[in-house]
Amino acid sequence: MRAFFIAVPFIAVAVLASQSPIVFAQSEKANQENQQASRPGLTGVGAGDGSSTATTPGAAGGIMGNSTLGGDRRPLYRLRSSDVVELTFTVAPEFNQTLTVQPDGYVMLKDAGSVEARGLTLAEFSAAVEKAYTGYLHEPQAAVALKDFERPFFIVGGEVGKPGKYELRSDTTVAEAVAIAGGFTQQSRHSQVVLFRRVNDDLVETRLLNLKKMLGEKSLKEDAHLRPGDLVFVPQNTISKIARFLTRPSVSMYMNSSQF
């Protein structure tokens, strides 16, 4: 048996030796490609023969976030109305300026007119500014810094101890939001707490939560997690019926009428 294993390599060598030189050339080429692909540090653009594709920007390990869960896991911040940005020009400090994004989404640049800023990342806004100043400055280079922005918030209204607007600093549920706002009053209908969530500029989604049952059973599995801009409303009277979607003007009318 041992002699058999010793003989196997010699048989394999004899078989390979009988093959055409073309086979050896192809094998050698494949071996070189495998070695080149396995070298450490040769990833992304510039690896191998230059045909490699770089990993997708903004994605961890080249894997994009689930679009049904909000897109990328770490999306870049996009400018909003009331944000304050600071522009600094490398070779033209006289054009340095601090700007506030107006309600219409535009900013007014010194000597260059208005430029749309809302919805842009800082890099995109910097490119827009440089384009706007192309006719005024030679190869303008603008650095953009975000100086101030609206912090994520939620609002609690109705029958709570301290209704108002609160900063959303961490993961917060509706029950926690009510506690932050001073808890329920004696007149509250906490079996029908309403969560209003903005869908778009015209539409708001509603959800009824029975916090009385949740707290009584000490089970908060159905408690909703807040998103920036959510409105939690604790009514005084029983809500007979509420549509799943409401127009934004009807929300304020509903809140006012439910208090009487």
Protein backbone atom coordinates (compact mmCIF):
# COMPACT_ATOMS: atom_id res chain seq x y z
CA MET A 1 0.00 0.00 0.00
CA ARG A 2 2.78 2.43 0.85
CA ALA A 3 4.47 1.71 -2.47
CA PHE A 4 1.21 2.59 -4.21
CA PHE A 5 1.10 6.09 -2.66
CA ILE A 6 4.72 6.69 -3.55
CA ALA A 7 4.07 5.73 -7.16
CA VAL A 8 1.09 8.08 -7.57
CA PRO A 9 3.15 11.31 -7.89
CA PHE A 10 5.38 9.78 -10.54
CA ILE A 11 2.36 8.66 -12.53
CA ALA A 12 0.86 12.16 -12.32
CA VAL A 13 4.11 13.73 -13.49
CA ALA A 14 4.27 11.36 -16.42
CA VAL A 15 0.70 12.19 -17.45
CA LEU A 16 1.33 15.96 -17.22
CA ALA A 17 4.59 15.64 -19.16
CA SER A 18 2.73 14.02 -22.05
CA GLN A 19 0.43 17.09 -22.43
CA SER A 20 0.96 19.90 -24.91
CA PRO A 21 3.06 22.99 -23.93
CA ILE A 22 -0.11 25.04 -24.47
CA VAL A 23 -1.69 23.39 -21.44
CA PHE A 24 1.28 24.41 -19.29
CA ALA A 25 1.08 27.97 -20.58
CA GLN A 26 -2.60 28.23 -19.74
CA SER A 27 -2.05 26.72 -16.29
CA GLU A 28 0.84 29.12 -15.58
CA LYS A 29 -1.26 32.13 -16.64
CA ALA A 30 -4.16 31.08 -14.40
CA ASN A 31 -1.77 30.56 -11.49
CA GLN A 32 -0.33 34.08 -11.91
CA GLU A 33 -3.83 35.60 -12.00
CA ASN A 34 -4.81 33.77 -8.83
CA GLN A 35 -1.68 34.94 -7.04
CA GLN A 36 -2.24 38.53 -8.15
CA ALA A 37 -5.86 38.49 -6.98
CA SER A 38 -4.86 37.10 -3.58
CA ARG A 39 -2.24 39.76 -2.79
CA PRO A 40 -3.10 41.78 0.31
CA GLY A 41 -3.99 45.44 -0.17
CA LEU A 42 -5.00 45.09 -3.84
CA THR A 43 -8.67 45.90 -3.46
CA GLY A 44 -10.90 48.53 -5.04
CA VAL A 45 -9.70 50.80 -7.84
CA GLY A 46 -6.21 50.00 -9.08
CA ALA A 47 -6.14 46.33 -8.08
CA GLY A 48 -5.15 43.66 -10.57
CA ASP A 49 -5.27 44.84 -14.18
CA GLY A 50 -7.20 48.00 -13.31
CA SER A 51 -10.60 46.52 -14.15
CA SER A 52 -11.69 46.09 -10.54
CA THR A 53 -14.69 48.06 -9.34
CA ALA A 54 -14.41 50.14 -6.20
CA THR A 55 -16.78 49.42 -3.35
CA THR A 56 -19.91 51.55 -3.37
CA PRO A 57 -19.41 54.84 -1.52
CA GLY A 58 -21.37 55.14 1.68
CA ALA A 59 -21.93 51.40 2.03
CA ALA A 60 -20.27 49.25 4.67
CA GLY A 61 -18.16 46.65 2.93
CA GLY A 62 -19.82 47.45 -0.38
CA ILE A 63 -23.23 46.29 0.90
CA MET A 64 -26.00 48.82 0.56
CA GLY A 65 -28.62 49.26 3.25
CA ASN A 66 -32.08 47.78 2.91
CA SER A 67 -34.20 50.27 0.97
CA THR A 68 -37.31 49.21 2.89
CA LEU A 69 -35.64 50.24 6.11
CA GLY A 70 -34.63 53.69 4.96
CA GLY A 71 -31.80 53.15 2.48
CA ASP A 72 -28.15 53.33 3.48
CA ARG A 73 -27.20 52.60 7.05
CA ARG A 74 -25.15 55.80 7.32
CA PRO A 75 -26.65 58.28 4.86
CA LEU A 76 -24.89 61.62 4.44
CA TYR A 77 -26.59 64.61 6.00
CA ARG A 78 -28.58 66.74 3.58
CA LEU A 79 -29.23 70.41 4.15
CA ARG A 80 -32.63 71.59 5.32
CA SER A 81 -34.33 74.92 5.75
CA SER A 82 -32.94 76.97 8.68
CA ASP A 83 -29.58 75.20 8.55
CA VAL A 84 -26.58 77.52 8.90
CA VAL A 85 -23.47 76.89 6.79
CA GLU A 86 -20.12 78.62 6.71
CA LEU A 87 -18.30 79.12 3.40
CA THR A 88 -14.51 79.52 3.37
CA PHE A 89 -12.61 80.27 0.16
CA THR A 90 -8.96 79.23 -0.04
CA VAL A 91 -7.67 82.02 -2.28
CA ALA A 92 -10.42 84.62 -1.82
CA PRO A 93 -11.14 85.12 1.90
CA GLU A 94 -13.12 88.27 1.10
CA PHE A 95 -15.87 85.93 -0.12
CA ASN A 96 -16.05 84.00 3.15
CA GLN A 97 -19.61 84.11 4.46
CA THR A 98 -22.13 82.51 6.78
CA LEU A 99 -25.46 81.60 5.21
CA THR A 100 -28.85 80.37 6.38
CA VAL A 101 -30.93 78.09 4.18
CA GLN A 102 -34.17 79.95 3.56
CA PRO A 103 -37.64 78.36 3.76
CA ASP A 104 -37.67 78.06 -0.04
CA GLY A 105 -34.46 76.02 0.10
CA TYR A 106 -32.13 78.66 -1.38
CA VAL A 107 -29.22 80.71 -0.05
CA MET A 108 -28.10 84.11 -1.30
CA LEU A 109 -24.40 84.12 -2.19
CA LYS A 110 -22.37 87.32 -2.10
CA ASP A 111 -22.10 88.71 -5.65
CA ALA A 112 -23.23 85.38 -7.16
CA GLY A 113 -26.97 85.32 -6.56
CA SER A 114 -29.14 82.54 -5.16
CA VAL A 115 -28.22 78.85 -5.15
CA GLU A 116 -30.41 75.95 -4.11
CA ALA A 117 -29.08 74.23 -0.99
CA ARG A 118 -31.91 72.20 0.51
CA GLY A 119 -31.56 68.48 -0.15
CA LEU A 120 -27.85 68.68 -0.99
CA THR A 121 -25.00 67.09 0.93
CA LEU A 122 -22.19 69.39 2.03
CA ALA A 123 -20.00 68.15 -0.83
CA GLU A 124 -22.78 68.74 -3.37
CA PHE A 125 -23.45 72.21 -1.98
CA SER A 126 -19.74 73.04 -2.15
CA ALA A 127 -19.71 72.03 -5.82
CA ALA A 128 -22.80 74.20 -6.47
CA VAL A 129 -21.12 77.19 -4.82
CA GLU A 130 -17.92 76.73 -6.82
CA LYS A 131 -19.96 76.55 -10.02
CA ALA A 132 -21.81 79.76 -9.10
CA TYR A 133 -18.52 81.60 -8.53
CA THR A 134 -16.81 80.32 -11.67
CA GLY A 135 -17.46 83.59 -13.48
CA TYR A 136 -16.19 85.68 -10.56
CA LEU A 137 -13.18 83.74 -9.28
CA HIS A 138 -10.47 81.78 -11.04
CA GLU A 139 -10.85 78.11 -10.08
CA PRO A 140 -12.83 78.81 -6.89
CA GLN A 141 -12.39 76.35 -4.04
CA ALA A 142 -15.01 76.57 -1.31
CA ALA A 143 -15.00 74.63 1.95
CA VAL A 144 -18.40 74.20 3.59
CA ALA A 145 -18.94 73.66 7.32
CA LEU A 146 -22.29 73.01 8.96
CA LYS A 147 -22.50 75.49 11.84
CA ASP A 148 -26.05 74.96 13.04
CA PHE A 149 -28.98 72.73 12.16
CA GLU A 150 -32.38 71.80 13.47
CA ARG A 151 -32.05 68.98 15.95
CA PRO A 152 -34.40 66.01 15.56
CA PHE A 153 -37.48 66.60 17.69
CA PHE A 154 -40.89 65.27 18.62
CA ILE A 155 -43.99 67.02 19.93
CA VAL A 156 -46.34 65.89 22.69
CA GLY A 157 -49.70 67.61 23.00
CA GLY A 158 -53.04 67.22 24.71
CA GLU A 159 -53.57 65.92 28.21
CA VAL A 160 -50.02 65.66 29.50
CA GLY A 161 -48.26 67.51 32.27
CA LYS A 162 -45.89 69.52 30.06
CA PRO A 163 -46.99 69.59 26.42
CA GLY A 164 -44.39 70.93 24.02
CA LYS A 165 -41.53 70.26 21.64
CA TYR A 166 -38.71 67.98 22.80
CA GLU A 167 -35.36 67.04 21.31
CA LEU A 168 -35.16 63.47 20.04
CA ARG A 169 -31.73 62.53 21.36
CA SER A 170 -32.04 58.74 21.33
CA ASP A 171 -34.40 55.89 20.57
CA THR A 172 -37.68 56.92 22.20
CA THR A 173 -41.10 55.25 22.27
CA VAL A 174 -44.53 56.85 22.58
CA ALA A 175 -44.84 55.79 26.24
CA GLU A 176 -41.42 57.29 26.98
CA ALA A 177 -42.38 60.50 25.15
CA VAL A 178 -45.47 60.87 27.35
CA ALA A 179 -43.33 60.37 30.45
CA ILE A 180 -40.83 62.99 29.23
CA ALA A 181 -43.76 65.40 28.75
CA GLY A 182 -44.86 65.06 32.37
CA GLY A 183 -47.11 62.03 32.14
CA PHE A 184 -50.89 61.80 31.80
CA THR A 185 -53.30 64.21 33.42
CA GLN A 186 -56.44 63.06 35.21
CA GLN A 187 -58.52 64.02 32.18
CA SER A 188 -56.45 62.03 29.69
CA ARG A 189 -57.87 59.26 27.57
CA HIS A 190 -54.68 57.20 27.59
CA SER A 191 -56.39 54.22 26.01
CA GLN A 192 -56.48 56.15 22.73
CA VAL A 193 -53.19 57.97 22.31
CA VAL A 194 -52.69 59.15 18.73
CA LEU A 195 -49.37 59.12 16.90
CA PHE A 196 -49.24 61.49 13.92
CA ARG A 197 -46.43 60.84 11.44
CA ARG A 198 -45.69 62.98 8.42
CA VAL A 199 -45.75 61.14 5.10
CA ASN A 200 -45.13 64.14 2.85
CA ASP A 201 -45.87 67.86 2.75
CA ASP A 202 -49.61 67.24 2.49
CA LEU A 203 -50.30 63.91 4.16
CA VAL A 204 -50.04 62.60 7.72
CA GLU A 205 -50.39 58.99 8.87
CA THR A 206 -52.19 58.23 12.12
CA ARG A 207 -51.96 55.36 14.59
CA LEU A 208 -53.99 54.69 17.74
CA LEU A 209 -52.15 53.23 20.73
CA ASN A 210 -53.74 51.81 23.88
CA LEU A 211 -51.09 52.83 26.41
CA LYS A 212 -53.47 52.10 29.29
CA LYS A 213 -53.55 48.42 28.32
CA MET A 214 -49.82 48.28 27.61
CA LEU A 215 -48.88 49.80 30.96
CA GLY A 216 -51.48 47.71 32.83
CA GLU A 217 -50.16 44.48 31.34
CA LYS A 218 -46.55 45.70 31.65
CA SER A 219 -45.99 44.79 28.02
CA LEU A 220 -44.72 47.43 25.62
CA LYS A 221 -44.20 45.19 22.60
CA GLU A 222 -46.72 47.20 20.58
CA ASP A 223 -45.31 50.55 21.68
CA ALA A 224 -44.22 52.60 18.65
CA HIS A 225 -40.74 54.07 18.26
CA LEU A 226 -40.67 57.75 17.36
CA ARG A 227 -39.16 59.31 14.28
CA PRO A 228 -38.05 62.94 13.92
CA GLY A 229 -41.06 65.23 13.59
CA ASP A 230 -43.59 62.83 15.11
CA LEU A 231 -46.52 64.25 17.06
CA VAL A 232 -47.96 62.38 20.04
CA PHE A 233 -51.43 63.54 21.08
CA VAL A 234 -53.27 62.47 24.22
CA PRO A 235 -56.99 63.31 23.86
CA GLN A 236 -59.44 64.21 26.60
CA ASN A 237 -62.47 62.55 25.06
CA THR A 238 -63.08 59.20 23.43
CA ILE A 239 -62.16 59.00 19.76
CA SER A 240 -64.93 57.26 17.89
CA LYS A 241 -63.19 57.06 14.54
CA ILE A 242 -60.06 58.37 12.88
CA ALA A 243 -58.81 57.88 9.35
CA ARG A 244 -55.45 56.25 8.81
CA PHE A 245 -54.33 59.17 6.65
CA LEU A 246 -55.20 62.83 7.14
CA THR A 247 -54.28 66.04 5.41
CA ARG A 248 -52.00 68.27 7.47
CA PRO A 249 -54.59 71.05 7.94
CA SER A 250 -57.12 68.55 9.26
CA VAL A 251 -54.70 67.43 11.99
CA SER A 252 -54.84 70.76 13.81
CA MET A 253 -58.62 70.90 13.42
CA TYR A 254 -58.92 67.38 14.80
CA MET A 255 -56.73 68.15 17.80
CA ASN A 256 -58.66 71.29 18.67
CA SER A 257 -62.07 69.69 18.31
CA SER A 258 -61.13 66.60 20.34
CA GLN A 259 -60.43 68.71 23.38
CA PHE A 260 -64.06 69.77 23.76
